[in-house]
N, C-alpha and C. Protein backbone atom coordinates (compact mmCIF):
# COMPACT_ATOMS: atom_id res chain seq x y z
N UNK A 1 0.84 -1.17 0.00
CA UNK A 1 0.00 0.00 0.00
C UNK A 1 0.89 1.24 0.00
N UNK A 2 0.52 2.22 -0.75
CA UNK A 2 1.36 3.39 -0.93
C UNK A 2 1.14 4.50 0.09
N UNK A 3 0.15 4.38 0.97
CA UNK A 3 -0.05 5.47 1.91
C UNK A 3 0.72 5.20 3.20
N UNK A 4 0.90 6.25 3.99
CA UNK A 4 1.68 6.15 5.22
C UNK A 4 0.79 6.05 6.45
N UNK A 5 -0.48 5.71 6.28
CA UNK A 5 -1.38 5.62 7.42
C UNK A 5 -1.15 4.32 8.17
N UNK A 6 -1.17 4.40 9.48
CA UNK A 6 -1.06 3.21 10.31
C UNK A 6 -2.45 2.68 10.64
N UNK A 7 -2.47 1.59 11.39
CA UNK A 7 -3.75 0.97 11.75
C UNK A 7 -4.61 1.91 12.58
N UNK A 8 -3.99 2.68 13.46
CA UNK A 8 -4.76 3.58 14.32
C UNK A 8 -5.46 4.65 13.48
N UNK A 9 -4.73 5.22 12.50
CA UNK A 9 -5.33 6.24 11.65
C UNK A 9 -6.43 5.64 10.78
N UNK A 10 -6.20 4.42 10.27
CA UNK A 10 -7.22 3.77 9.44
C UNK A 10 -8.48 3.49 10.24
N UNK A 11 -8.33 3.14 11.51
CA UNK A 11 -9.50 2.79 12.32
C UNK A 11 -10.41 3.98 12.57
N UNK A 12 -9.91 5.18 12.38
CA UNK A 12 -10.74 6.36 12.61
C UNK A 12 -11.49 6.80 11.35
N UNK A 13 -11.28 6.12 10.25
CA UNK A 13 -11.90 6.50 8.98
C UNK A 13 -13.22 5.77 8.79
N UNK A 14 -14.10 6.37 8.03
CA UNK A 14 -15.40 5.77 7.71
C UNK A 14 -15.24 4.76 6.58
N UNK A 15 -16.28 3.98 6.37
CA UNK A 15 -16.30 2.99 5.28
C UNK A 15 -16.03 3.67 3.94
N UNK A 16 -16.67 4.79 3.70
CA UNK A 16 -16.51 5.50 2.44
C UNK A 16 -15.07 6.01 2.26
N UNK A 17 -14.50 6.53 3.35
CA UNK A 17 -13.12 7.02 3.27
C UNK A 17 -12.14 5.87 3.00
N UNK A 18 -12.39 4.73 3.61
CA UNK A 18 -11.53 3.56 3.39
C UNK A 18 -11.63 3.11 1.94
N UNK A 19 -12.85 3.04 1.42
CA UNK A 19 -13.02 2.62 0.03
C UNK A 19 -12.34 3.58 -0.93
N UNK A 20 -12.43 4.87 -0.64
CA UNK A 20 -11.77 5.86 -1.48
C UNK A 20 -10.25 5.73 -1.39
N UNK A 21 -9.76 5.54 -0.17
CA UNK A 21 -8.32 5.39 0.05
C UNK A 21 -7.75 4.18 -0.69
N UNK A 22 -8.49 3.06 -0.66
CA UNK A 22 -8.03 1.84 -1.31
C UNK A 22 -8.51 1.72 -2.76
N UNK A 23 -9.14 2.78 -3.25
CA UNK A 23 -9.62 2.83 -4.64
C UNK A 23 -10.43 1.60 -5.00
N UNK A 24 -11.49 1.37 -4.20
CA UNK A 24 -12.39 0.25 -4.43
C UNK A 24 -13.81 0.73 -4.15
N UNK A 25 -14.78 -0.15 -4.34
CA UNK A 25 -16.16 0.16 -4.01
C UNK A 25 -16.88 -1.12 -3.62
N UNK A 26 -18.16 -1.06 -3.35
CA UNK A 26 -18.89 -2.22 -2.86
C UNK A 26 -18.97 -3.34 -3.90
N UNK A 27 -18.74 -3.04 -5.17
CA UNK A 27 -18.70 -4.07 -6.20
C UNK A 27 -17.33 -4.73 -6.28
N UNK A 28 -16.40 -4.26 -5.48
CA UNK A 28 -15.05 -4.84 -5.48
C UNK A 28 -14.22 -4.29 -6.62
N UNK A 29 -13.06 -4.86 -6.78
CA UNK A 29 -12.14 -4.42 -7.82
C UNK A 29 -12.57 -4.95 -9.18
N UNK A 30 -12.20 -4.22 -10.23
CA UNK A 30 -12.39 -4.80 -11.56
C UNK A 30 -11.14 -5.62 -11.89
N UNK A 31 -11.20 -6.40 -12.92
CA UNK A 31 -10.13 -7.35 -13.23
C UNK A 31 -8.82 -6.63 -13.56
N UNK A 32 -8.91 -5.45 -14.19
CA UNK A 32 -7.69 -4.69 -14.52
C UNK A 32 -7.00 -4.18 -13.26
N UNK A 33 -7.79 -3.65 -12.32
CA UNK A 33 -7.22 -3.17 -11.05
C UNK A 33 -6.59 -4.32 -10.29
N UNK A 34 -7.26 -5.48 -10.28
CA UNK A 34 -6.70 -6.66 -9.60
C UNK A 34 -5.34 -7.03 -10.21
N UNK A 35 -5.27 -7.15 -11.53
CA UNK A 35 -4.01 -7.54 -12.17
C UNK A 35 -2.91 -6.51 -11.93
N UNK A 36 -3.26 -5.25 -11.98
CA UNK A 36 -2.27 -4.20 -11.73
C UNK A 36 -1.71 -4.30 -10.31
N UNK A 37 -2.59 -4.48 -9.32
CA UNK A 37 -2.14 -4.57 -7.92
C UNK A 37 -1.36 -5.85 -7.66
N UNK A 38 -1.77 -6.94 -8.28
CA UNK A 38 -1.04 -8.20 -8.11
C UNK A 38 0.37 -8.07 -8.69
N UNK A 39 0.48 -7.42 -9.85
CA UNK A 39 1.79 -7.22 -10.47
C UNK A 39 2.64 -6.25 -9.66
N UNK A 40 2.03 -5.21 -9.15
CA UNK A 40 2.77 -4.18 -8.42
C UNK A 40 3.22 -4.64 -7.04
N UNK A 41 2.34 -5.35 -6.30
CA UNK A 41 2.64 -5.71 -4.91
C UNK A 41 2.93 -7.19 -4.68
N UNK A 42 2.67 -8.02 -5.67
CA UNK A 42 2.95 -9.44 -5.52
C UNK A 42 1.81 -10.18 -4.83
N UNK A 43 2.04 -11.47 -4.65
CA UNK A 43 1.02 -12.32 -4.05
C UNK A 43 0.92 -12.09 -2.54
N UNK A 44 -0.22 -12.44 -1.99
CA UNK A 44 -0.53 -12.31 -0.57
C UNK A 44 0.04 -13.53 0.16
N UNK A 45 1.34 -13.46 0.45
CA UNK A 45 2.02 -14.56 1.13
C UNK A 45 2.56 -14.03 2.44
N UNK A 46 2.24 -14.72 3.53
CA UNK A 46 2.62 -14.23 4.86
C UNK A 46 4.13 -14.23 5.07
N UNK A 47 4.79 -15.29 4.67
CA UNK A 47 6.24 -15.36 4.88
C UNK A 47 6.92 -15.93 3.65
N UNK A 48 8.11 -15.50 3.44
CA UNK A 48 8.96 -16.08 2.40
C UNK A 48 10.14 -16.74 3.09
N UNK A 49 9.90 -17.92 3.61
CA UNK A 49 10.98 -18.60 4.31
C UNK A 49 11.97 -19.16 3.31
N UNK A 50 13.24 -19.10 3.70
CA UNK A 50 14.28 -19.64 2.84
C UNK A 50 14.26 -21.15 2.91
N UNK A 51 14.53 -21.77 1.79
CA UNK A 51 14.62 -23.23 1.74
C UNK A 51 15.85 -23.67 2.52
N UNK A 52 15.70 -24.76 3.22
CA UNK A 52 16.81 -25.31 4.00
C UNK A 52 17.46 -26.43 3.20
N UNK A 53 18.77 -26.52 3.32
CA UNK A 53 19.54 -27.53 2.59
C UNK A 53 19.85 -28.70 3.52
N UNK A 54 20.26 -29.83 2.94
CA UNK A 54 20.67 -30.97 3.79
C UNK A 54 21.82 -30.60 4.72
N UNK A 55 22.70 -29.70 4.27
CA UNK A 55 23.82 -29.28 5.11
C UNK A 55 23.33 -28.63 6.40
N UNK A 56 22.26 -27.85 6.32
CA UNK A 56 21.68 -27.22 7.50
C UNK A 56 21.28 -28.28 8.52
N UNK A 57 20.60 -29.33 8.07
CA UNK A 57 20.13 -30.37 8.98
C UNK A 57 21.30 -31.20 9.53
N UNK A 58 22.33 -31.39 8.72
CA UNK A 58 23.51 -32.12 9.19
C UNK A 58 24.21 -31.32 10.30
N UNK A 59 24.37 -30.03 10.09
CA UNK A 59 25.00 -29.19 11.11
C UNK A 59 24.15 -29.13 12.38
N UNK A 60 22.84 -29.09 12.22
CA UNK A 60 21.96 -29.09 13.40
C UNK A 60 22.11 -30.39 14.18
N UNK A 61 22.22 -31.50 13.47
CA UNK A 61 22.39 -32.79 14.14
C UNK A 61 23.74 -32.88 14.84
N UNK A 62 24.76 -32.26 14.25
CA UNK A 62 26.10 -32.30 14.84
C UNK A 62 26.25 -31.35 16.04
N UNK A 63 25.29 -30.48 16.26
CA UNK A 63 25.36 -29.55 17.38
C UNK A 63 25.09 -30.23 18.72
N UNK A 64 24.83 -31.51 18.71
CA UNK A 64 24.58 -32.25 19.94
C UNK A 64 25.75 -32.05 20.90
N UNK A 65 25.46 -31.64 22.13
CA UNK A 65 26.51 -31.32 23.11
C UNK A 65 27.38 -32.54 23.42
N UNK A 66 26.77 -33.71 23.46
CA UNK A 66 27.54 -34.92 23.75
C UNK A 66 28.59 -35.17 22.66
N UNK A 67 28.22 -34.97 21.41
CA UNK A 67 29.15 -35.15 20.29
C UNK A 67 30.28 -34.13 20.40
N UNK A 68 29.94 -32.88 20.70
CA UNK A 68 30.96 -31.83 20.82
C UNK A 68 31.93 -32.12 21.97
N UNK A 69 31.39 -32.59 23.10
CA UNK A 69 32.25 -32.91 24.25
C UNK A 69 33.18 -34.07 23.92
N UNK A 70 32.65 -35.11 23.26
CA UNK A 70 33.51 -36.24 22.88
C UNK A 70 34.61 -35.81 21.92
N UNK A 71 34.24 -34.97 20.96
CA UNK A 71 35.24 -34.49 20.00
C UNK A 71 36.31 -33.66 20.71
N UNK A 72 35.90 -32.81 21.65
CA UNK A 72 36.84 -31.99 22.41
C UNK A 72 37.77 -32.88 23.26
N UNK A 73 37.20 -33.90 23.91
CA UNK A 73 38.02 -34.81 24.73
C UNK A 73 39.02 -35.59 23.88
N UNK A 74 38.59 -36.04 22.72
CA UNK A 74 39.50 -36.78 21.82
C UNK A 74 40.64 -35.87 21.36
N UNK A 75 40.31 -34.60 21.06
CA UNK A 75 41.33 -33.64 20.64
C UNK A 75 42.33 -33.40 21.77
N UNK A 76 41.83 -33.24 22.99
CA UNK A 76 42.72 -33.02 24.14
C UNK A 76 43.62 -34.24 24.35
N UNK A 77 43.05 -35.44 24.23
CA UNK A 77 43.85 -36.66 24.39
C UNK A 77 44.93 -36.76 23.33
N UNK A 78 44.64 -36.38 22.10
CA UNK A 78 45.66 -36.41 21.05
C UNK A 78 46.76 -35.39 21.34
N UNK A 79 46.37 -34.19 21.79
CA UNK A 79 47.35 -33.15 22.09
C UNK A 79 48.26 -33.56 23.25
N UNK A 80 47.69 -34.22 24.25
CA UNK A 80 48.48 -34.64 25.43
C UNK A 80 49.16 -35.99 25.21
N UNK A 81 49.08 -36.49 24.01
CA UNK A 81 49.75 -37.74 23.62
C UNK A 81 49.18 -38.99 24.31
N UNK A 82 47.90 -38.94 24.69
CA UNK A 82 47.21 -40.11 25.25
C UNK A 82 46.43 -40.77 24.12
N UNK A 83 47.15 -41.49 23.26
CA UNK A 83 46.54 -42.06 22.07
C UNK A 83 45.51 -43.14 22.40
N UNK A 84 45.73 -43.94 23.42
CA UNK A 84 44.76 -45.00 23.78
C UNK A 84 43.44 -44.36 24.21
N UNK A 85 43.50 -43.35 25.08
CA UNK A 85 42.29 -42.64 25.50
C UNK A 85 41.59 -41.98 24.33
N UNK A 86 42.39 -41.39 23.43
CA UNK A 86 41.82 -40.73 22.25
C UNK A 86 41.09 -41.72 21.36
N UNK A 87 41.68 -42.92 21.14
CA UNK A 87 41.03 -43.92 20.28
C UNK A 87 39.77 -44.48 20.93
N UNK A 88 39.78 -44.62 22.24
CA UNK A 88 38.56 -45.08 22.94
C UNK A 88 37.45 -44.05 22.77
N UNK A 89 37.80 -42.79 22.99
CA UNK A 89 36.79 -41.72 22.83
C UNK A 89 36.33 -41.62 21.38
N UNK A 90 37.25 -41.79 20.41
CA UNK A 90 36.84 -41.77 19.00
C UNK A 90 35.91 -42.94 18.68
N UNK A 91 36.14 -44.08 19.33
CA UNK A 91 35.23 -45.23 19.14
C UNK A 91 33.83 -44.89 19.64
N UNK A 92 33.76 -44.29 20.82
CA UNK A 92 32.46 -43.87 21.36
C UNK A 92 31.84 -42.81 20.46
N UNK A 93 32.69 -41.90 19.98
CA UNK A 93 32.21 -40.85 19.07
C UNK A 93 31.65 -41.46 17.79
N UNK A 94 32.29 -42.50 17.27
CA UNK A 94 31.80 -43.17 16.06
C UNK A 94 30.42 -43.77 16.27
N UNK A 95 30.23 -44.40 17.43
CA UNK A 95 28.90 -44.96 17.75
C UNK A 95 27.88 -43.83 17.88
N UNK A 96 28.28 -42.72 18.49
CA UNK A 96 27.39 -41.57 18.65
C UNK A 96 27.04 -40.95 17.30
N UNK A 97 27.96 -40.99 16.35
CA UNK A 97 27.69 -40.43 15.02
C UNK A 97 26.58 -41.18 14.30
N UNK A 98 26.38 -42.45 14.65
CA UNK A 98 25.25 -43.19 14.08
C UNK A 98 23.94 -42.51 14.49
N UNK A 99 23.88 -42.08 15.76
CA UNK A 99 22.71 -41.35 16.24
C UNK A 99 22.54 -40.04 15.48
N UNK A 100 23.66 -39.37 15.20
CA UNK A 100 23.62 -38.11 14.44
C UNK A 100 23.07 -38.35 13.04
N UNK A 101 23.52 -39.41 12.40
CA UNK A 101 23.05 -39.74 11.04
C UNK A 101 21.56 -40.06 11.05
N UNK A 102 21.11 -40.79 12.05
CA UNK A 102 19.67 -41.11 12.15
C UNK A 102 18.87 -39.83 12.34
N UNK A 103 19.33 -38.95 13.23
CA UNK A 103 18.62 -37.69 13.45
C UNK A 103 18.59 -36.85 12.17
N UNK A 104 19.72 -36.76 11.49
CA UNK A 104 19.78 -36.01 10.24
C UNK A 104 18.78 -36.55 9.23
N UNK A 105 18.76 -37.87 9.03
CA UNK A 105 17.87 -38.44 8.01
C UNK A 105 16.40 -38.24 8.38
N UNK A 106 16.07 -38.35 9.67
CA UNK A 106 14.68 -38.13 10.08
C UNK A 106 14.28 -36.67 9.90
N UNK A 107 15.13 -35.75 10.33
CA UNK A 107 14.81 -34.32 10.20
C UNK A 107 14.70 -33.89 8.74
N UNK A 108 15.61 -34.37 7.90
CA UNK A 108 15.60 -34.01 6.48
C UNK A 108 14.35 -34.57 5.79
N UNK A 109 14.02 -35.83 6.06
CA UNK A 109 12.84 -36.41 5.40
C UNK A 109 11.55 -35.75 5.90
N UNK A 110 11.49 -35.40 7.17
CA UNK A 110 10.32 -34.68 7.70
C UNK A 110 10.19 -33.31 7.04
N UNK A 111 11.29 -32.61 6.89
CA UNK A 111 11.28 -31.30 6.23
C UNK A 111 10.78 -31.41 4.79
N UNK A 112 11.31 -32.38 4.04
CA UNK A 112 10.88 -32.56 2.64
C UNK A 112 9.39 -32.89 2.57
N UNK A 113 8.91 -33.76 3.47
CA UNK A 113 7.50 -34.11 3.50
C UNK A 113 6.64 -32.88 3.77
N UNK A 114 7.04 -32.07 4.77
CA UNK A 114 6.27 -30.87 5.10
C UNK A 114 6.24 -29.87 3.95
N UNK A 115 7.35 -29.73 3.24
CA UNK A 115 7.39 -28.81 2.09
C UNK A 115 6.45 -29.28 0.98
N UNK A 116 6.43 -30.59 0.70
CA UNK A 116 5.51 -31.11 -0.32
C UNK A 116 4.06 -30.91 0.11
N UNK A 117 3.80 -31.11 1.40
CA UNK A 117 2.44 -30.94 1.91
C UNK A 117 2.00 -29.48 1.78
N UNK A 118 2.88 -28.54 2.10
CA UNK A 118 2.56 -27.12 1.99
C UNK A 118 2.24 -26.73 0.55
N UNK A 119 2.94 -27.33 -0.41
CA UNK A 119 2.69 -27.03 -1.81
C UNK A 119 1.31 -27.51 -2.25
N UNK A 120 0.80 -28.56 -1.60
CA UNK A 120 -0.48 -29.13 -2.01
C UNK A 120 -1.67 -28.48 -1.32
N UNK A 121 -1.44 -27.84 -0.17
CA UNK A 121 -2.53 -27.22 0.57
C UNK A 121 -2.85 -25.86 -0.04
N UNK A 122 -4.08 -25.65 -0.36
CA UNK A 122 -4.55 -24.37 -0.90
C UNK A 122 -5.68 -23.86 -0.03
N UNK A 123 -5.57 -22.62 0.41
CA UNK A 123 -6.63 -22.00 1.19
C UNK A 123 -7.36 -21.04 0.26
N UNK A 124 -8.68 -21.15 0.27
CA UNK A 124 -9.50 -20.31 -0.59
C UNK A 124 -10.28 -19.31 0.25
N UNK A 125 -10.59 -18.18 -0.34
CA UNK A 125 -11.39 -17.16 0.32
C UNK A 125 -12.37 -16.58 -0.69
N UNK A 126 -13.45 -15.99 -0.18
CA UNK A 126 -14.47 -15.40 -1.04
C UNK A 126 -14.24 -13.90 -1.14
N UNK A 127 -14.16 -13.40 -2.37
CA UNK A 127 -14.03 -11.96 -2.61
C UNK A 127 -15.14 -11.52 -3.54
N UNK A 128 -15.38 -10.23 -3.52
CA UNK A 128 -16.32 -9.65 -4.48
C UNK A 128 -15.49 -8.90 -5.49
N UNK A 129 -15.61 -9.32 -6.74
CA UNK A 129 -14.91 -8.65 -7.85
C UNK A 129 -15.93 -8.40 -8.95
N UNK A 130 -15.91 -7.19 -9.42
CA UNK A 130 -16.84 -6.77 -10.48
C UNK A 130 -18.28 -7.11 -10.12
N UNK A 131 -18.63 -6.96 -8.84
CA UNK A 131 -20.00 -7.15 -8.38
C UNK A 131 -20.40 -8.59 -8.14
N UNK A 132 -19.50 -9.54 -8.35
CA UNK A 132 -19.84 -10.96 -8.17
C UNK A 132 -18.92 -11.58 -7.12
N UNK A 133 -19.52 -12.45 -6.31
CA UNK A 133 -18.72 -13.17 -5.32
C UNK A 133 -17.99 -14.31 -6.01
N UNK A 134 -16.67 -14.39 -5.76
CA UNK A 134 -15.84 -15.42 -6.38
C UNK A 134 -15.00 -16.08 -5.30
N UNK A 135 -14.73 -17.36 -5.48
CA UNK A 135 -13.81 -18.06 -4.58
C UNK A 135 -12.44 -18.08 -5.25
N UNK A 136 -11.45 -17.52 -4.55
CA UNK A 136 -10.10 -17.45 -5.11
C UNK A 136 -9.10 -18.00 -4.10
N UNK A 137 -7.90 -18.31 -4.58
CA UNK A 137 -6.83 -18.72 -3.67
C UNK A 137 -6.40 -17.53 -2.82
N UNK A 138 -6.08 -17.79 -1.58
CA UNK A 138 -5.69 -16.74 -0.64
C UNK A 138 -4.53 -15.90 -1.17
N UNK A 139 -3.62 -16.52 -1.90
CA UNK A 139 -2.46 -15.80 -2.43
C UNK A 139 -2.86 -14.71 -3.43
N UNK A 140 -4.05 -14.81 -3.99
CA UNK A 140 -4.49 -13.86 -5.02
C UNK A 140 -5.32 -12.70 -4.45
N UNK A 141 -5.38 -12.58 -3.12
CA UNK A 141 -6.06 -11.44 -2.50
C UNK A 141 -5.11 -10.24 -2.57
N UNK A 142 -5.64 -9.11 -3.03
CA UNK A 142 -4.84 -7.89 -3.10
C UNK A 142 -5.52 -6.80 -2.27
N UNK A 143 -4.76 -5.75 -1.92
CA UNK A 143 -5.39 -4.70 -1.12
C UNK A 143 -6.47 -4.04 -1.95
N UNK A 144 -7.57 -3.75 -1.29
CA UNK A 144 -8.73 -3.19 -1.96
C UNK A 144 -9.79 -4.23 -2.27
N UNK A 145 -9.47 -5.52 -2.13
CA UNK A 145 -10.48 -6.56 -2.33
C UNK A 145 -11.52 -6.49 -1.22
N UNK A 146 -12.75 -6.75 -1.59
CA UNK A 146 -13.84 -6.86 -0.62
C UNK A 146 -13.97 -8.35 -0.30
N UNK A 147 -13.75 -8.70 0.96
CA UNK A 147 -13.74 -10.10 1.41
C UNK A 147 -15.06 -10.39 2.11
N UNK A 148 -15.62 -11.57 1.87
CA UNK A 148 -16.79 -12.01 2.64
C UNK A 148 -16.36 -13.22 3.47
N UNK A 149 -16.73 -13.18 4.73
CA UNK A 149 -16.39 -14.26 5.65
C UNK A 149 -17.65 -15.01 6.05
N UNK A 150 -17.49 -16.29 6.31
CA UNK A 150 -18.58 -17.11 6.85
C UNK A 150 -17.97 -18.05 7.88
N UNK A 151 -18.80 -18.84 8.52
CA UNK A 151 -18.32 -19.75 9.56
C UNK A 151 -17.21 -20.63 9.01
N UNK A 152 -16.08 -20.67 9.72
CA UNK A 152 -14.96 -21.51 9.32
C UNK A 152 -13.99 -20.85 8.36
N UNK A 153 -14.27 -19.62 7.95
CA UNK A 153 -13.37 -18.93 7.02
C UNK A 153 -12.02 -18.66 7.66
N UNK A 154 -10.98 -18.74 6.85
CA UNK A 154 -9.65 -18.32 7.27
C UNK A 154 -9.50 -16.88 6.81
N UNK A 155 -9.09 -16.01 7.73
CA UNK A 155 -8.93 -14.60 7.38
C UNK A 155 -7.65 -14.48 6.56
N UNK A 156 -7.76 -14.03 5.30
CA UNK A 156 -6.61 -14.08 4.39
C UNK A 156 -5.61 -12.93 4.52
N UNK A 157 -5.97 -11.86 5.23
CA UNK A 157 -5.10 -10.69 5.32
C UNK A 157 -5.65 -9.77 6.40
N UNK A 158 -4.99 -8.63 6.61
CA UNK A 158 -5.54 -7.62 7.50
C UNK A 158 -6.82 -7.10 6.87
N UNK A 159 -7.87 -6.98 7.66
CA UNK A 159 -9.16 -6.56 7.13
C UNK A 159 -9.70 -5.37 7.90
N UNK A 160 -10.48 -4.58 7.19
CA UNK A 160 -11.26 -3.51 7.79
C UNK A 160 -12.70 -4.01 7.71
N UNK A 161 -13.36 -4.14 8.85
CA UNK A 161 -14.72 -4.68 8.86
C UNK A 161 -15.73 -3.59 8.52
N UNK A 162 -16.53 -3.85 7.50
CA UNK A 162 -17.61 -2.94 7.17
C UNK A 162 -18.90 -3.38 7.85
N UNK A 163 -19.12 -4.70 7.90
CA UNK A 163 -20.33 -5.26 8.52
C UNK A 163 -19.94 -6.55 9.22
N UNK A 164 -20.65 -6.84 10.32
CA UNK A 164 -20.45 -8.14 10.97
C UNK A 164 -21.67 -8.49 11.79
N UNK A 165 -21.91 -9.77 11.90
CA UNK A 165 -22.99 -10.28 12.73
C UNK A 165 -22.49 -11.58 13.34
N UNK A 166 -22.46 -11.64 14.65
CA UNK A 166 -21.99 -12.84 15.36
C UNK A 166 -20.62 -13.29 14.85
N UNK A 167 -19.68 -12.36 14.76
CA UNK A 167 -18.34 -12.67 14.27
C UNK A 167 -17.44 -13.04 15.45
N UNK A 168 -17.02 -14.31 15.47
CA UNK A 168 -16.11 -14.80 16.50
C UNK A 168 -14.84 -15.24 15.82
N UNK A 169 -13.71 -14.74 16.33
CA UNK A 169 -12.41 -15.01 15.73
C UNK A 169 -11.58 -15.85 16.69
N UNK A 170 -11.00 -16.93 16.18
CA UNK A 170 -10.05 -17.73 16.95
C UNK A 170 -8.68 -17.11 16.74
N UNK A 171 -8.18 -16.46 17.76
CA UNK A 171 -6.87 -15.80 17.64
C UNK A 171 -5.85 -16.46 18.56
N UNK A 172 -6.01 -17.77 18.80
CA UNK A 172 -5.11 -18.48 19.71
C UNK A 172 -3.68 -18.50 19.21
N UNK A 173 -3.47 -18.47 17.91
CA UNK A 173 -2.11 -18.46 17.37
C UNK A 173 -1.36 -17.18 17.76
N UNK A 174 -2.11 -16.11 18.02
CA UNK A 174 -1.49 -14.83 18.36
C UNK A 174 -1.48 -14.56 19.85
N UNK A 175 -2.57 -14.93 20.54
CA UNK A 175 -2.71 -14.56 21.94
C UNK A 175 -2.60 -15.74 22.90
N UNK A 176 -2.80 -16.95 22.40
CA UNK A 176 -2.78 -18.13 23.27
C UNK A 176 -4.14 -18.42 23.88
N UNK A 177 -5.12 -17.54 23.68
CA UNK A 177 -6.46 -17.77 24.21
C UNK A 177 -7.11 -18.90 23.43
N UNK A 178 -7.72 -19.83 24.16
CA UNK A 178 -8.34 -20.96 23.47
C UNK A 178 -9.76 -20.64 23.01
N UNK A 179 -10.40 -19.68 23.64
CA UNK A 179 -11.78 -19.34 23.27
C UNK A 179 -11.80 -18.30 22.16
N UNK A 180 -12.75 -18.45 21.25
CA UNK A 180 -12.91 -17.46 20.18
C UNK A 180 -13.37 -16.14 20.79
N UNK A 181 -12.95 -15.04 20.17
CA UNK A 181 -13.26 -13.70 20.67
C UNK A 181 -14.24 -13.04 19.71
N UNK A 182 -15.31 -12.45 20.27
CA UNK A 182 -16.29 -11.78 19.41
C UNK A 182 -15.73 -10.43 18.97
N UNK A 183 -15.90 -10.14 17.68
CA UNK A 183 -15.45 -8.87 17.11
C UNK A 183 -16.69 -8.07 16.69
N UNK A 184 -16.68 -6.82 17.09
CA UNK A 184 -17.78 -5.92 16.74
C UNK A 184 -17.23 -4.72 16.01
N UNK A 185 -18.11 -4.02 15.32
CA UNK A 185 -17.73 -2.80 14.61
C UNK A 185 -18.17 -1.62 15.45
N UNK A 186 -17.24 -0.69 15.68
CA UNK A 186 -17.66 0.53 16.37
C UNK A 186 -18.11 1.54 15.34
N UNK A 187 -18.36 2.74 15.76
CA UNK A 187 -18.88 3.77 14.83
C UNK A 187 -17.98 3.96 13.64
N UNK A 188 -16.67 3.85 13.83
CA UNK A 188 -15.71 4.10 12.75
C UNK A 188 -15.42 2.88 11.89
N UNK A 189 -16.00 1.72 12.21
CA UNK A 189 -15.81 0.56 11.35
C UNK A 189 -14.96 -0.54 11.95
N UNK A 190 -14.27 -0.31 13.06
CA UNK A 190 -13.47 -1.37 13.68
C UNK A 190 -14.01 -1.78 15.01
């Protein structure tokens, strides 16, 4: 969004002022405005996490304190010329490295599985575009879209509520509260 208004300033604006600010109306965006905003601002994606490599998981598995202590003890034994003690500790370290390899393979395969699962999961939301309600992928929501929510809807982005009736939001991911919280609109729309 190109304006410098914060949430507090936006909450003091009327429905009409918000629609004017976001260059939209009750019929929603037209297809040209949608494409322009999608091209200009990109998809509605919460995070762009970096992909992790197998090396990351190997290093994480090697961070085990027991492995580090054994490696340090073996190094000290070699420096102090206690070769028998060093070889015994290296033998124990070798057995411990089997545990490291198992942890690495489990963590890496779990990560790959989760990434494939994320690629297959699609969350849809209802928007009004050109006067018609359409179901679209959450990633295709742009600022200025008019969103309609119903029971079980996932909120796809920050929203300004124009209307609500019996709106209960589960915000446990943010606050830790297990009970849904009722949201109402005050005179200014929030």
